[in-house]
Amino acid sequence: ETPGLVELSSPELDLLSDNKEHLEEETIEIIMKTMDQYMSKTLGDYGS
C-alpha cells in the first residue's frame, strides 16, 4: 500500500508496453524478410 510504488510503476509499464509493440513490429519485419529470402531461394532451386 505504498503510493510511491504505484506512481513509479505506471510510466514504466507504459514504456514496457510501447517497447513490446515496437519489438513485435520489428520481429514481424525480420520474419517477413527471412521468409522472402527463403522462398526465393527455394523457388530458385526448383527452377534449376
Protein backbone atom coordinates (compact mmCIF):
# COMPACT_ATOMS: atom_id res chain seq x y z
CA GLU A 1 0.00 0.00 0.00
CA THR A 2 2.74 2.47 -0.91
CA PRO A 3 1.55 5.19 -3.32
CA GLY A 4 5.15 5.82 -4.40
CA LEU A 5 5.32 2.35 -5.89
CA VAL A 6 2.16 2.86 -7.93
CA GLU A 7 3.35 6.22 -9.25
CA LEU A 8 6.66 4.64 -10.18
CA SER A 9 5.26 1.57 -11.91
CA SER A 10 2.70 3.32 -14.12
CA PRO A 11 5.07 5.16 -16.52
CA GLU A 12 7.41 2.19 -16.55
CA LEU A 13 4.56 -0.11 -17.53
CA ASP A 14 3.62 2.26 -20.37
CA LEU A 15 7.23 2.24 -21.52
CA LEU A 16 7.34 -1.55 -21.42
CA SER A 17 4.13 -1.99 -23.41
CA ASP A 18 5.25 0.55 -26.04
CA ASN A 19 8.59 -1.22 -26.29
CA LYS A 20 6.85 -4.60 -26.62
CA GLU A 21 4.73 -3.38 -29.55
CA HIS A 22 7.80 -1.93 -31.25
CA LEU A 23 9.70 -5.18 -30.77
CA GLU A 24 6.82 -7.20 -32.22
CA GLU A 25 6.74 -4.97 -35.33
CA GLU A 26 10.48 -5.38 -35.83
CA THR A 27 10.24 -9.14 -35.33
CA ILE A 28 7.45 -9.42 -37.91
CA GLU A 29 9.51 -7.40 -40.42
CA ILE A 30 12.53 -9.66 -39.86
CA ILE A 31 10.41 -12.80 -40.25
CA MET A 32 8.85 -11.48 -43.47
CA LYS A 33 12.27 -10.65 -44.93
CA THR A 34 13.60 -14.07 -43.94
CA MET A 35 10.57 -15.77 -45.50
CA ASP A 36 11.04 -13.79 -48.73
CA GLN A 37 14.69 -14.82 -48.93
CA TYR A 38 13.84 -18.44 -48.11
CA MET A 39 11.01 -18.60 -50.66
CA SER A 40 13.04 -17.02 -53.46
CA LYS A 41 15.95 -19.37 -52.71
CA THR A 42 13.66 -22.41 -52.65
CA LEU A 43 11.89 -21.38 -55.86
CA GLY A 44 15.28 -20.73 -57.47
CA ASP A 45 16.40 -24.24 -56.52
CA TYR A 46 13.26 -25.69 -58.09
CA GLY A 47 13.86 -23.75 -61.29
CA SER A 48 17.36 -25.11 -61.84
